[in-house]
Amino acid sequence: MIMTDIVNLRQARKAKARAEREAEAERNRIRHGEPTSLRRARKDGERRTEHQHEGHRLVAARVGSADGDPPS
């Protein structure tokens, strides 16, 4: 005689439904991206970093006229 595992159908249906909901949630996370609050925080951090970077830029003193022509 071959013995098989006894399966509780209610638990199997719930597990299947749970897996389907999780798969749909993952698809939605991919489709809708990151939350607005995280997106704003990331952009603020990028702006802050860019501002710091620009603040450290070395600017050569311009010599010549306002239109950028070299002095003659």
C-alpha atoms as a PDB file:
ATOM      1  CA  MET A   1       0.000   0.000   0.000  1.00  0.00           C
ATOM      2  CA  ILE A   2       1.279   3.497  -0.872  1.00  0.00           C
ATOM      3  CA  MET A   3       1.019   6.116   1.851  1.00  0.00           C
ATOM      4  CA  THR A   4       0.468   9.766   0.947  1.00  0.00           C
ATOM      5  CA  ASP A   5       0.571  12.838   3.105  1.00  0.00           C
ATOM      6  CA  ILE A   6      -2.702  14.038   4.505  1.00  0.00           C
ATOM      7  CA  VAL A   7      -3.382  17.595   3.331  1.00  0.00           C
ATOM      8  CA  ASN A   8      -5.673  20.002   5.130  1.00  0.00           C
ATOM      9  CA  LEU A   9      -7.494  21.638   2.212  1.00  0.00           C
ATOM     10  CA  ARG A  10      -8.419  24.753   4.183  1.00  0.00           C
ATOM     11  CA  GLN A  11      -4.771  25.390   5.059  1.00  0.00           C
ATOM     12  CA  ALA A  12      -3.686  24.674   1.484  1.00  0.00           C
ATOM     13  CA  ARG A  13      -6.231  27.166   0.083  1.00  0.00           C
ATOM     14  CA  LYS A  14      -5.137  29.822   2.572  1.00  0.00           C
ATOM     15  CA  ALA A  15      -1.462  29.266   1.767  1.00  0.00           C
ATOM     16  CA  LYS A  16      -2.184  29.540  -1.961  1.00  0.00           C
ATOM     17  CA  ALA A  17      -4.212  32.744  -1.473  1.00  0.00           C
ATOM     18  CA  ARG A  18      -1.451  34.204   0.729  1.00  0.00           C
ATOM     19  CA  ALA A  19       1.176  33.452  -1.936  1.00  0.00           C
ATOM     20  CA  GLU A  20      -0.996  35.045  -4.650  1.00  0.00           C
ATOM     21  CA  ARG A  21      -1.538  38.191  -2.540  1.00  0.00           C
ATOM     22  CA  GLU A  22       2.207  38.459  -1.885  1.00  0.00           C
ATOM     23  CA  ALA A  23       2.980  38.062  -5.602  1.00  0.00           C
ATOM     24  CA  GLU A  24       0.473  40.802  -6.461  1.00  0.00           C
ATOM     25  CA  ALA A  25       1.907  43.057  -3.747  1.00  0.00           C
ATOM     26  CA  GLU A  26       5.407  42.593  -5.187  1.00  0.00           C
ATOM     27  CA  ARG A  27       4.161  43.484  -8.677  1.00  0.00           C
ATOM     28  CA  ASN A  28       2.500  46.612  -7.251  1.00  0.00           C
ATOM     29  CA  ARG A  29       5.680  47.620  -5.408  1.00  0.00           C
ATOM     30  CA  ILE A  30       7.593  47.393  -8.663  1.00  0.00           C
ATOM     31  CA  ARG A  31       4.905  49.217 -10.633  1.00  0.00           C
ATOM     32  CA  HIS A  32       4.360  52.097  -8.213  1.00  0.00           C
ATOM     33  CA  GLY A  33       7.952  52.584  -7.088  1.00  0.00           C
ATOM     34  CA  GLU A  34       9.042  54.173  -3.864  1.00  0.00           C
ATOM     35  CA  PRO A  35       6.744  56.127  -1.520  1.00  0.00           C
ATOM     36  CA  THR A  36       6.566  59.902  -1.871  1.00  0.00           C
ATOM     37  CA  SER A  37       8.193  60.508   1.504  1.00  0.00           C
ATOM     38  CA  LEU A  38      11.219  58.365   0.602  1.00  0.00           C
ATOM     39  CA  ARG A  39      11.431  59.920  -2.860  1.00  0.00           C
ATOM     40  CA  ARG A  40      11.439  63.447  -1.345  1.00  0.00           C
ATOM     41  CA  ALA A  41      14.067  62.467   1.231  1.00  0.00           C
ATOM     42  CA  ARG A  42      16.287  60.974  -1.492  1.00  0.00           C
ATOM     43  CA  LYS A  43      15.940  64.089  -3.688  1.00  0.00           C
ATOM     44  CA  ASP A  44      16.684  66.381  -0.716  1.00  0.00           C
ATOM     45  CA  GLY A  45      19.827  64.382   0.010  1.00  0.00           C
ATOM     46  CA  GLU A  46      20.908  64.589  -3.626  1.00  0.00           C
ATOM     47  CA  ARG A  47      20.329  68.366  -3.661  1.00  0.00           C
ATOM     48  CA  ARG A  48      22.286  68.771  -0.418  1.00  0.00           C
ATOM     49  CA  THR A  49      25.182  66.741  -1.794  1.00  0.00           C
ATOM     50  CA  GLU A  50      25.175  68.702  -5.069  1.00  0.00           C
ATOM     51  CA  HIS A  51      25.123  72.001  -3.162  1.00  0.00           C
ATOM     52  CA  GLN A  52      28.100  70.919  -1.035  1.00  0.00           C
ATOM     53  CA  HIS A  53      29.941  69.778  -4.136  1.00  0.00           C
ATOM     54  CA  GLU A  54      29.319  73.076  -5.928  1.00  0.00           C
ATOM     55  CA  GLY A  55      30.427  74.992  -2.838  1.00  0.00           C
ATOM     56  CA  HIS A  56      33.847  73.361  -3.042  1.00  0.00           C
ATOM     57  CA  ARG A  57      34.350  74.170  -6.721  1.00  0.00           C
ATOM     58  CA  LEU A  58      37.417  76.220  -7.533  1.00  0.00           C
ATOM     59  CA  VAL A  59      36.551  79.100  -9.837  1.00  0.00           C
ATOM     60  CA  ALA A  60      39.349  80.784 -11.771  1.00  0.00           C
ATOM     61  CA  ALA A  61      39.231  84.591 -11.672  1.00  0.00           C
ATOM     62  CA  ARG A  62      38.032  85.945 -14.987  1.00  0.00           C
ATOM     63  CA  VAL A  63      40.390  88.275 -16.735  1.00  0.00           C
ATOM     64  CA  GLY A  64      39.076  90.359 -19.596  1.00  0.00           C
ATOM     65  CA  SER A  65      35.793  91.858 -20.611  1.00  0.00           C
ATOM     66  CA  ALA A  66      32.352  90.781 -19.526  1.00  0.00           C
ATOM     67  CA  ASP A  67      31.770  88.948 -22.827  1.00  0.00           C
ATOM     68  CA  GLY A  68      34.654  86.573 -22.166  1.00  0.00           C
ATOM     69  CA  ASP A  69      37.136  87.929 -24.708  1.00  0.00           C
ATOM     70  CA  PRO A  70      40.748  87.776 -23.571  1.00  0.00           C
ATOM     71  CA  PRO A  71      42.429  91.085 -22.872  1.00  0.00           C
ATOM     72  CA  SER A  72      44.344  92.611 -25.766  1.00  0.00           C
END
